[in-house]
Amino acid sequence: MTSQTEQAGALARRIEEQLNQVLVGQPVITRQVLIALITGGHVLIEGVPGLGKTLLARSLARVLELDFQRIQFTPDLMPSDVTGHALFDSQSGDFRVRKGPAFTNLLLADEINRAPAKTQAALLEVMQERQITIEGESFPLAPPFVVLATQNPLDQEGTYPLPEAELDRFLFKILIDYPDQAHESRMVEMVLDGRLPDSLDAAQLTPVTDAAGILELTRSAEQVLIDPALIDYLLRLVRATREHPSLIQGGSPRASIALARTAKTQALLSGRDFVVPDDVKAVAAPVLRHRLRLGVDAELEGQTVESVLAQLLEQVEAPRQ
């Protein structure tokens, strides 16, 4: 293990310690969000209101000293409200660009599936190309740039399903659920005695690093070794999703690439400079769950994407360490 790997692992642990102060009882969620950020991918977080999704985004921006913007998606939100627009300046006689909230490091797209498809599509170029075009002029975004989108469950009133093309641009889809009773009890006690703010205030957290530090972690993750046998394993896993009888849509090559890249980051955060099969298994669900579609017959039988993924992780043989 190199000293660079040790330093990266120690830095990641300090970041997670800060985040876990406010997102009580959700260490898996904070780890997954951090993996996505270091890998340079976007995150879709699904859960009912009140579980701390917005607080997590604000806390992440505070701990990492990143520029942060929040957009509340609503049915009347226009694409220009996301990216910006050109205004005519009567004094100079020229058009000037007014940049939208997407010009930032960490963009919180809150309740993204409450906006219609036209506005959701405004994020596509931003997420994929990391640039914004206004009146024919392209503006590159300074790295790191990550969209952290929250989504309400689709059975709630006033929600629009995200198109597959947009879903595929999210590196991870993370499911956040209610905390268990012990952690919820601790959370209530912390709010009542003032140790945890009963608001979206992350000011109590201590900054640990900055944008340059995150980019250094990204470079460290890229240097993590992944054996050809593990690449073969993750490819077999993704290909198995295309052949499973319960699925009518499997993972794309983009899913295979995401699985390899995030497994390397997972290894780095675990203090290793090489990937093991457990790293692939740890990121398989958030990488794949939003890229798979269940058949109608499978739904009627009570199967879910999560249950199919669990089956595949059991069935696809991993290389021996």
Foldseek 3Di string as FASTA:
>chain_A
DDPLLVVLLVLLVLLLVLLCLAQPQPSLVLVVVLLCQLLLFAEEEEDAPDNCLLLSLLLNCQQAVWWEDEDEAAQPDALCQAAWEWDQDPVVRDIDTDGHRQQIQEYEDEQVQLYDQRNLVSCLCCLPVQWHAYPRDIGHHDPPHYYYYYHYPPVDPRGHDHDLSSLLRGQFYHYGYDHDPVRVVVVVVCCVVVVHPPDSDNPVGDHSHYRVSSNSLSVLLVQQAEDPLQLVLLVVLQVVLPVDPFWPFTDDVSLSVSLVSSLSSQCSNVSHSYGANVSSVSRNCGRTQSRIHGDPVCVVVVDHSVNVSVVSVVPRDGDDD
